[in-house]
Amino acid sequence: MTEMSERVAKALFLTNNPRLSWEEQSTKSPVSVDIYRLLAKIAIEAMREPNDEMLNLVTPWNRKKTKAFWQAMIDEALKDEQ
């Protein structure tokens, strides 16, 4: 799991479970933590197909190159995922 995926998983978990500890939950119920890790991976992968706003943030003058740039960024963020 990449650091980015782990941070997203933790943020999703804490949003849904504000009174629980991520570290404690990882020990007590690793399966429930794995679900959040999977959700994080799915959320990050969804960003691989950028919308118009995302494309315009990087290089609004060359949309084709921007899409490739965006996809490379997401691929790099997920490269160590299993």
PDB file of N, CA and C in Angstrom:
ATOM      1  N   MET A   1       0.858  -1.178   0.000  1.00  0.00           N
ATOM      2  CA  MET A   1       0.000   0.000   0.000  1.00  0.00           C
ATOM      3  C   MET A   1       0.894   1.229   0.000  1.00  0.00           C
ATOM      4  N   THR A   2       0.556   2.169  -0.847  1.00  0.00           N
ATOM      5  CA  THR A   2       1.336   3.399  -0.906  1.00  0.00           C
ATOM      6  C   THR A   2       0.957   4.316   0.250  1.00  0.00           C
ATOM      7  N   GLU A   3       1.841   5.250   0.524  1.00  0.00           N
ATOM      8  CA  GLU A   3       1.564   6.217   1.592  1.00  0.00           C
ATOM      9  C   GLU A   3       0.304   7.014   1.272  1.00  0.00           C
ATOM     10  N   MET A   4       0.129   7.374   0.004  1.00  0.00           N
ATOM     11  CA  MET A   4      -1.060   8.140  -0.388  1.00  0.00           C
ATOM     12  C   MET A   4      -2.332   7.329  -0.110  1.00  0.00           C
ATOM     13  N   SER A   5      -2.337   6.077  -0.506  1.00  0.00           N
ATOM     14  CA  SER A   5      -3.505   5.227  -0.284  1.00  0.00           C
ATOM     15  C   SER A   5      -3.798   5.054   1.200  1.00  0.00           C
ATOM     16  N   GLU A   6      -2.753   4.893   1.977  1.00  0.00           N
ATOM     17  CA  GLU A   6      -2.934   4.717   3.419  1.00  0.00           C
ATOM     18  C   GLU A   6      -3.538   5.976   4.046  1.00  0.00           C
ATOM     19  N   ARG A   7      -3.068   7.148   3.626  1.00  0.00           N
ATOM     20  CA  ARG A   7      -3.618   8.401   4.165  1.00  0.00           C
ATOM     21  C   ARG A   7      -5.081   8.580   3.774  1.00  0.00           C
ATOM     22  N   VAL A   8      -5.417   8.222   2.534  1.00  0.00           N
ATOM     23  CA  VAL A   8      -6.808   8.334   2.093  1.00  0.00           C
ATOM     24  C   VAL A   8      -7.684   7.341   2.856  1.00  0.00           C
ATOM     25  N   ALA A   9      -7.196   6.120   3.028  1.00  0.00           N
ATOM     26  CA  ALA A   9      -7.956   5.106   3.781  1.00  0.00           C
ATOM     27  C   ALA A   9      -8.221   5.580   5.208  1.00  0.00           C
ATOM     28  N   LYS A  10      -7.196   6.130   5.844  1.00  0.00           N
ATOM     29  CA  LYS A  10      -7.345   6.618   7.211  1.00  0.00           C
ATOM     30  C   LYS A  10      -8.354   7.770   7.269  1.00  0.00           C
ATOM     31  N   ALA A  11      -8.290   8.673   6.298  1.00  0.00           N
ATOM     32  CA  ALA A  11      -9.236   9.796   6.267  1.00  0.00           C
ATOM     33  C   ALA A  11     -10.667   9.305   6.087  1.00  0.00           C
ATOM     34  N   LEU A  12     -10.864   8.326   5.220  1.00  0.00           N
ATOM     35  CA  LEU A  12     -12.208   7.759   5.019  1.00  0.00           C
ATOM     36  C   LEU A  12     -12.703   7.105   6.305  1.00  0.00           C
ATOM     37  N   PHE A  13     -11.832   6.335   6.931  1.00  0.00           N
ATOM     38  CA  PHE A  13     -12.192   5.654   8.178  1.00  0.00           C
ATOM     39  C   PHE A  13     -12.586   6.660   9.266  1.00  0.00           C
ATOM     40  N   LEU A  14     -11.753   7.685   9.461  1.00  0.00           N
ATOM     41  CA  LEU A  14     -12.012   8.650  10.529  1.00  0.00           C
ATOM     42  C   LEU A  14     -13.248   9.501  10.246  1.00  0.00           C
ATOM     43  N   THR A  15     -13.557   9.723   8.987  1.00  0.00           N
ATOM     44  CA  THR A  15     -14.783  10.439   8.638  1.00  0.00           C
ATOM     45  C   THR A  15     -16.001   9.618   9.037  1.00  0.00           C
ATOM     46  N   ASN A  16     -15.913   8.330   8.834  1.00  0.00           N
ATOM     47  CA  ASN A  16     -17.026   7.431   9.137  1.00  0.00           C
ATOM     48  C   ASN A  16     -17.046   6.997  10.601  1.00  0.00           C
ATOM     49  N   ASN A  17     -15.888   7.043  11.261  1.00  0.00           N
ATOM     50  CA  ASN A  17     -15.756   6.569  12.645  1.00  0.00           C
ATOM     51  C   ASN A  17     -14.946   7.565  13.470  1.00  0.00           C
ATOM     52  N   PRO A  18     -15.459   8.765  13.696  1.00  0.00           N
ATOM     53  CA  PRO A  18     -14.652   9.804  14.354  1.00  0.00           C
ATOM     54  C   PRO A  18     -14.229   9.482  15.784  1.00  0.00           C
ATOM     55  N   ARG A  19     -14.894   8.556  16.434  1.00  0.00           N
ATOM     56  CA  ARG A  19     -14.565   8.238  17.831  1.00  0.00           C
ATOM     57  C   ARG A  19     -13.595   7.063  17.968  1.00  0.00           C
ATOM     58  N   LEU A  20     -13.237   6.451  16.851  1.00  0.00           N
ATOM     59  CA  LEU A  20     -12.348   5.294  16.900  1.00  0.00           C
ATOM     60  C   LEU A  20     -10.936   5.677  16.458  1.00  0.00           C
ATOM     61  N   SER A  21      -9.979   4.905  16.889  1.00  0.00           N
ATOM     62  CA  SER A  21      -8.588   5.113  16.515  1.00  0.00           C
ATOM     63  C   SER A  21      -8.240   4.203  15.337  1.00  0.00           C
ATOM     64  N   TRP A  22      -7.644   4.783  14.306  1.00  0.00           N
ATOM     65  CA  TRP A  22      -7.213   4.010  13.133  1.00  0.00           C
ATOM     66  C   TRP A  22      -6.213   2.921  13.552  1.00  0.00           C
ATOM     67  N   GLU A  23      -5.259   3.283  14.374  1.00  0.00           N
ATOM     68  CA  GLU A  23      -4.235   2.335  14.805  1.00  0.00           C
ATOM     69  C   GLU A  23      -4.841   1.191  15.623  1.00  0.00           C
ATOM     70  N   GLU A  24      -5.746   1.537  16.521  1.00  0.00           N
ATOM     71  CA  GLU A  24      -6.401   0.517  17.342  1.00  0.00           C
ATOM     72  C   GLU A  24      -7.268  -0.402  16.480  1.00  0.00           C
ATOM     73  N   GLN A  25      -7.995   0.178  15.549  1.00  0.00           N
ATOM     74  CA  GLN A  25      -8.856  -0.603  14.657  1.00  0.00           C
ATOM     75  C   GLN A  25      -8.019  -1.534  13.788  1.00  0.00           C
ATOM     76  N   SER A  26      -6.842  -1.077  13.378  1.00  0.00           N
ATOM     77  CA  SER A  26      -5.951  -1.908  12.555  1.00  0.00           C
ATOM     78  C   SER A  26      -5.569  -3.189  13.288  1.00  0.00           C
ATOM     79  N   THR A  27      -5.421  -3.084  14.612  1.00  0.00           N
ATOM     80  CA  THR A  27      -5.060  -4.236  15.435  1.00  0.00           C
ATOM     81  C   THR A  27      -6.274  -5.110  15.740  1.00  0.00           C
ATOM     82  N   LYS A  28      -7.381  -4.475  16.123  1.00  0.00           N
ATOM     83  CA  LYS A  28      -8.572  -5.220  16.549  1.00  0.00           C
ATOM     84  C   LYS A  28      -9.347  -5.828  15.390  1.00  0.00           C
ATOM     85  N   SER A  29      -9.434  -5.099  14.285  1.00  0.00           N
ATOM     86  CA  SER A  29     -10.259  -5.556  13.166  1.00  0.00           C
ATOM     87  C   SER A  29      -9.599  -5.221  11.825  1.00  0.00           C
ATOM     88  N   PRO A  30      -8.536  -5.959  11.496  1.00  0.00           N
ATOM     89  CA  PRO A  30      -7.815  -5.649  10.264  1.00  0.00           C
ATOM     90  C   PRO A  30      -8.666  -5.760   8.997  1.00  0.00           C
ATOM     91  N   VAL A  31      -9.700  -6.598   9.040  1.00  0.00           N
ATOM     92  CA  VAL A  31     -10.572  -6.742   7.876  1.00  0.00           C
ATOM     93  C   VAL A  31     -11.335  -5.451   7.605  1.00  0.00           C
ATOM     94  N   SER A  32     -11.829  -4.805   8.647  1.00  0.00           N
ATOM     95  CA  SER A  32     -12.566  -3.562   8.435  1.00  0.00           C
ATOM     96  C   SER A  32     -11.627  -2.465   7.921  1.00  0.00           C
ATOM     97  N   VAL A  33     -10.388  -2.464   8.374  1.00  0.00           N
ATOM     98  CA  VAL A  33      -9.405  -1.500   7.882  1.00  0.00           C
ATOM     99  C   VAL A  33      -9.090  -1.789   6.414  1.00  0.00           C
ATOM    100  N   ASP A  34      -9.008  -3.055   6.055  1.00  0.00           N
ATOM    101  CA  ASP A  34      -8.749  -3.422   4.661  1.00  0.00           C
ATOM    102  C   ASP A  34      -9.852  -2.924   3.727  1.00  0.00           C
ATOM    103  N   ILE A  35     -11.072  -2.891   4.223  1.00  0.00           N
ATOM    104  CA  ILE A  35     -12.180  -2.360   3.411  1.00  0.00           C
ATOM    105  C   ILE A  35     -11.926  -0.893   3.092  1.00  0.00           C
ATOM    106  N   TYR A  36     -11.468  -0.126   4.068  1.00  0.00           N
ATOM    107  CA  TYR A  36     -11.166   1.287   3.832  1.00  0.00           C
ATOM    108  C   TYR A  36      -9.973   1.445   2.892  1.00  0.00           C
ATOM    109  N   ARG A  37      -9.031   0.537   2.978  1.00  0.00           N
ATOM    110  CA  ARG A  37      -7.889   0.575   2.047  1.00  0.00           C
ATOM    111  C   ARG A  37      -8.362   0.313   0.615  1.00  0.00           C
ATOM    112  N   LEU A  38      -9.278  -0.624   0.461  1.00  0.00           N
ATOM    113  CA  LEU A  38      -9.835  -0.894  -0.867  1.00  0.00           C
ATOM    114  C   LEU A  38     -10.616   0.313  -1.381  1.00  0.00           C
ATOM    115  N   LEU A  39     -11.420   0.925  -0.522  1.00  0.00           N
ATOM    116  CA  LEU A  39     -12.169   2.117  -0.928  1.00  0.00           C
ATOM    117  C   LEU A  39     -11.225   3.249  -1.332  1.00  0.00           C
ATOM    118  N   ALA A  40     -10.121   3.387  -0.624  1.00  0.00           N
ATOM    119  CA  ALA A  40      -9.140   4.422  -0.965  1.00  0.00           C
ATOM    120  C   ALA A  40      -8.542   4.169  -2.338  1.00  0.00           C
ATOM    121  N   LYS A  41      -8.192   2.928  -2.597  1.00  0.00           N
ATOM    122  CA  LYS A  41      -7.623   2.580  -3.907  1.00  0.00           C
ATOM    123  C   LYS A  41      -8.626   2.877  -5.019  1.00  0.00           C
ATOM    124  N   ILE A  42      -9.869   2.529  -4.801  1.00  0.00           N
ATOM    125  CA  ILE A  42     -10.918   2.783  -5.806  1.00  0.00           C
ATOM    126  C   ILE A  42     -11.085   4.282  -6.026  1.00  0.00           C
ATOM    127  N   ALA A  43     -11.082   5.051  -4.947  1.00  0.00           N
ATOM    128  CA  ALA A  43     -11.238   6.506  -5.066  1.00  0.00           C
ATOM    129  C   ALA A  43     -10.086   7.123  -5.839  1.00  0.00           C
ATOM    130  N   ILE A  44      -8.873   6.676  -5.554  1.00  0.00           N
ATOM    131  CA  ILE A  44      -7.704   7.211  -6.249  1.00  0.00           C
ATOM    132  C   ILE A  44      -7.725   6.793  -7.718  1.00  0.00           C
ATOM    133  N   GLU A  45      -8.072   5.545  -7.987  1.00  0.00           N
ATOM    134  CA  GLU A  45      -8.153   5.081  -9.376  1.00  0.00           C
ATOM    135  C   GLU A  45      -9.195   5.863 -10.172  1.00  0.00           C
ATOM    136  N   ALA A  46     -10.268   6.269  -9.514  1.00  0.00           N
ATOM    137  CA  ALA A  46     -11.314   7.036 -10.202  1.00  0.00           C
ATOM    138  C   ALA A  46     -10.776   8.375 -10.704  1.00  0.00           C
ATOM    139  N   MET A  47      -9.778   8.905 -10.033  1.00  0.00           N
ATOM    140  CA  MET A  47      -9.182  10.171 -10.472  1.00  0.00           C
ATOM    141  C   MET A  47      -8.338  10.008 -11.730  1.00  0.00           C
ATOM    142  N   ARG A  48      -8.102   8.772 -12.140  1.00  0.00           N
ATOM    143  CA  ARG A  48      -7.292   8.522 -13.333  1.00  0.00           C
ATOM    144  C   ARG A  48      -7.964   9.067 -14.588  1.00  0.00           C
ATOM    145  N   GLU A  49      -9.277   9.136 -14.573  1.00  0.00           N
ATOM    146  CA  GLU A  49     -10.026   9.726 -15.684  1.00  0.00           C
ATOM    147  C   GLU A  49     -10.457  11.123 -15.262  1.00  0.00           C
ATOM    148  N   PRO A  50      -9.637  12.122 -15.547  1.00  0.00           N
ATOM    149  CA  PRO A  50      -9.916  13.466 -15.062  1.00  0.00           C
ATOM    150  C   PRO A  50     -11.118  14.120 -15.734  1.00  0.00           C
ATOM    151  N   ASN A  51     -11.832  14.924 -14.948  1.00  0.00           N
ATOM    152  CA  ASN A  51     -12.932  15.699 -15.517  1.00  0.00           C
ATOM    153  C   ASN A  51     -12.371  17.016 -16.067  1.00  0.00           C
ATOM    154  N   ASP A  52     -13.218  17.850 -16.634  1.00  0.00           N
ATOM    155  CA  ASP A  52     -12.760  19.101 -17.240  1.00  0.00           C
ATOM    156  C   ASP A  52     -12.033  20.003 -16.248  1.00  0.00           C
ATOM    157  N   GLU A  53     -12.556  20.108 -15.040  1.00  0.00           N
ATOM    158  CA  GLU A  53     -11.908  20.961 -14.039  1.00  0.00           C
ATOM    159  C   GLU A  53     -10.508  20.462 -13.705  1.00  0.00           C
ATOM    160  N   MET A  54     -10.365  19.147 -13.573  1.00  0.00           N
ATOM    161  CA  MET A  54      -9.066  18.578 -13.269  1.00  0.00           C
ATOM    162  C   MET A  54      -8.083  18.820 -14.417  1.00  0.00           C
ATOM    163  N   LEU A  55      -8.567  18.669 -15.649  1.00  0.00           N
ATOM    164  CA  LEU A  55      -7.709  18.884 -16.806  1.00  0.00           C
ATOM    165  C   LEU A  55      -7.249  20.328 -16.889  1.00  0.00           C
ATOM    166  N   ASN A  56      -8.134  21.253 -16.613  1.00  0.00           N
ATOM    167  CA  ASN A  56      -7.799  22.669 -16.717  1.00  0.00           C
ATOM    168  C   ASN A  56      -6.850  23.145 -15.620  1.00  0.00           C
ATOM    169  N   LEU A  57      -6.772  22.403 -14.533  1.00  0.00           N
ATOM    170  CA  LEU A  57      -5.875  22.794 -13.441  1.00  0.00           C
ATOM    171  C   LEU A  57      -4.403  22.664 -13.818  1.00  0.00           C
ATOM    172  N   VAL A  58      -4.091  21.721 -14.679  1.00  0.00           N
ATOM    173  CA  VAL A  58      -2.691  21.425 -14.968  1.00  0.00           C
ATOM    174  C   VAL A  58      -2.183  22.228 -16.163  1.00  0.00           C
ATOM    175  N   THR A  59      -2.671  21.910 -17.320  1.00  0.00           N
ATOM    176  CA  THR A  59      -2.265  22.635 -18.532  1.00  0.00           C
ATOM    177  C   THR A  59      -3.473  22.822 -19.429  1.00  0.00           C
ATOM    178  N   PRO A  60      -4.212  23.899 -19.274  1.00  0.00           N
ATOM    179  CA  PRO A  60      -5.446  24.093 -20.029  1.00  0.00           C
ATOM    180  C   PRO A  60      -5.233  24.222 -21.531  1.00  0.00           C
ATOM    181  N   TRP A  61      -4.031  24.477 -21.966  1.00  0.00           N
ATOM    182  CA  TRP A  61      -3.783  24.662 -23.390  1.00  0.00           C
ATOM    183  C   TRP A  61      -3.523  23.358 -24.140  1.00  0.00           C
ATOM    184  N   ASN A  62      -3.311  22.250 -23.461  1.00  0.00           N
ATOM    185  CA  ASN A  62      -3.019  20.988 -24.140  1.00  0.00           C
ATOM    186  C   ASN A  62      -3.701  19.843 -23.397  1.00  0.00           C
ATOM    187  N   ARG A  63      -4.979  19.637 -23.688  1.00  0.00           N
ATOM    188  CA  ARG A  63      -5.782  18.667 -22.944  1.00  0.00           C
ATOM    189  C   ARG A  63      -5.283  17.237 -23.101  1.00  0.00           C
ATOM    190  N   LYS A  64      -4.826  16.858 -24.288  1.00  0.00           N
ATOM    191  CA  LYS A  64      -4.358  15.489 -24.495  1.00  0.00           C
ATOM    192  C   LYS A  64      -3.129  15.203 -23.622  1.00  0.00           C
ATOM    193  N   LYS A  65      -2.201  16.136 -23.604  1.00  0.00           N
ATOM    194  CA  LYS A  65      -1.006  15.959 -22.787  1.00  0.00           C
ATOM    195  C   LYS A  65      -1.365  15.987 -21.300  1.00  0.00           C
ATOM    196  N   THR A  66      -2.319  16.829 -20.932  1.00  0.00           N
ATOM    197  CA  THR A  66      -2.734  16.932 -19.538  1.00  0.00           C
ATOM    198  C   THR A  66      -3.342  15.623 -19.057  1.00  0.00           C
ATOM    199  N   LYS A  67      -4.161  14.983 -19.892  1.00  0.00           N
ATOM    200  CA  LYS A  67      -4.770  13.708 -19.504  1.00  0.00           C
ATOM    201  C   LYS A  67      -3.684  12.668 -19.255  1.00  0.00           C
ATOM    202  N   ALA A  68      -2.689  12.604 -20.122  1.00  0.00           N
ATOM    203  CA  ALA A  68      -1.584  11.659 -19.947  1.00  0.00           C
ATOM    204  C   ALA A  68      -0.802  11.982 -18.672  1.00  0.00           C
ATOM    205  N   PHE A  69      -0.604  13.277 -18.418  1.00  0.00           N
ATOM    206  CA  PHE A  69       0.084  13.720 -17.204  1.00  0.00           C
ATOM    207  C   PHE A  69      -0.685  13.268 -15.968  1.00  0.00           C
ATOM    208  N   TRP A  70      -2.001  13.490 -15.974  1.00  0.00           N
ATOM    209  CA  TRP A  70      -2.858  13.133 -14.838  1.00  0.00           C
ATOM    210  C   TRP A  70      -2.830  11.620 -14.599  1.00  0.00           C
ATOM    211  N   GLN A  71      -2.932  10.857 -15.680  1.00  0.00           N
ATOM    212  CA  GLN A  71      -2.929   9.402 -15.551  1.00  0.00           C
ATOM    213  C   GLN A  71      -1.586   8.896 -15.035  1.00  0.00           C
ATOM    214  N   ALA A  72      -0.496   9.505 -15.481  1.00  0.00           N
ATOM    215  CA  ALA A  72       0.830   9.104 -14.997  1.00  0.00           C
ATOM    216  C   ALA A  72       0.954   9.384 -13.505  1.00  0.00           C
ATOM    217  N   MET A  73       0.394  10.496 -13.064  1.00  0.00           N
ATOM    218  CA  MET A  73       0.448  10.847 -11.647  1.00  0.00           C
ATOM    219  C   MET A  73      -0.305   9.805 -10.808  1.00  0.00           C
ATOM    220  N   ILE A  74      -1.489   9.423 -11.239  1.00  0.00           N
ATOM    221  CA  ILE A  74      -2.283   8.440 -10.489  1.00  0.00           C
ATOM    222  C   ILE A  74      -1.623   7.064 -10.552  1.00  0.00           C
ATOM    223  N   ASP A  75      -1.098   6.697 -11.718  1.00  0.00           N
ATOM    224  CA  ASP A  75      -0.401   5.414 -11.835  1.00  0.00           C
ATOM    225  C   ASP A  75       0.786   5.345 -10.872  1.00  0.00           C
ATOM    226  N   GLU A  76       1.514   6.448 -10.772  1.00  0.00           N
ATOM    227  CA  GLU A  76       2.663   6.494  -9.854  1.00  0.00           C
ATOM    228  C   GLU A  76       2.204   6.378  -8.403  1.00  0.00           C
ATOM    229  N   ALA A  77       1.102   7.037  -8.073  1.00  0.00           N
ATOM    230  CA  ALA A  77       0.588   6.975  -6.700  1.00  0.00           C
ATOM    231  C   ALA A  77       0.152   5.571  -6.324  1.00  0.00           C
ATOM    232  N   LEU A  78      -0.259   4.788  -7.307  1.00  0.00           N
ATOM    233  CA  LEU A  78      -0.772   3.428  -7.036  1.00  0.00           C
ATOM    234  C   LEU A  78       0.194   2.323  -7.410  1.00  0.00           C
ATOM    235  N   LYS A  79       1.415   2.645  -7.823  1.00  0.00           N
ATOM    236  CA  LYS A  79       2.302   1.625  -8.395  1.00  0.00           C
ATOM    237  C   LYS A  79       2.649   0.485  -7.461  1.00  0.00           C
ATOM    238  N   ASP A  80       2.622   0.694  -6.169  1.00  0.00           N
ATOM    239  CA  ASP A  80       2.953  -0.371  -5.228  1.00  0.00           C
ATOM    240  C   ASP A  80       1.720  -1.110  -4.708  1.00  0.00           C
ATOM    241  N   GLU A  81       0.547  -0.773  -5.239  1.00  0.00           N
ATOM    242  CA  GLU A  81      -0.680  -1.447  -4.802  1.00  0.00           C
ATOM    243  C   GLU A  81      -0.670  -2.880  -5.315  1.00  0.00           C
ATOM    244  N   GLN A  82      -1.328  -3.726  -4.567  1.00  0.00           N
ATOM    245  CA  GLN A  82      -1.409  -5.135  -4.977  1.00  0.00           C
ATOM    246  C   GLN A  82      -2.761  -5.422  -5.574  1.00  0.00           C
TER     247      GLN A  82
END
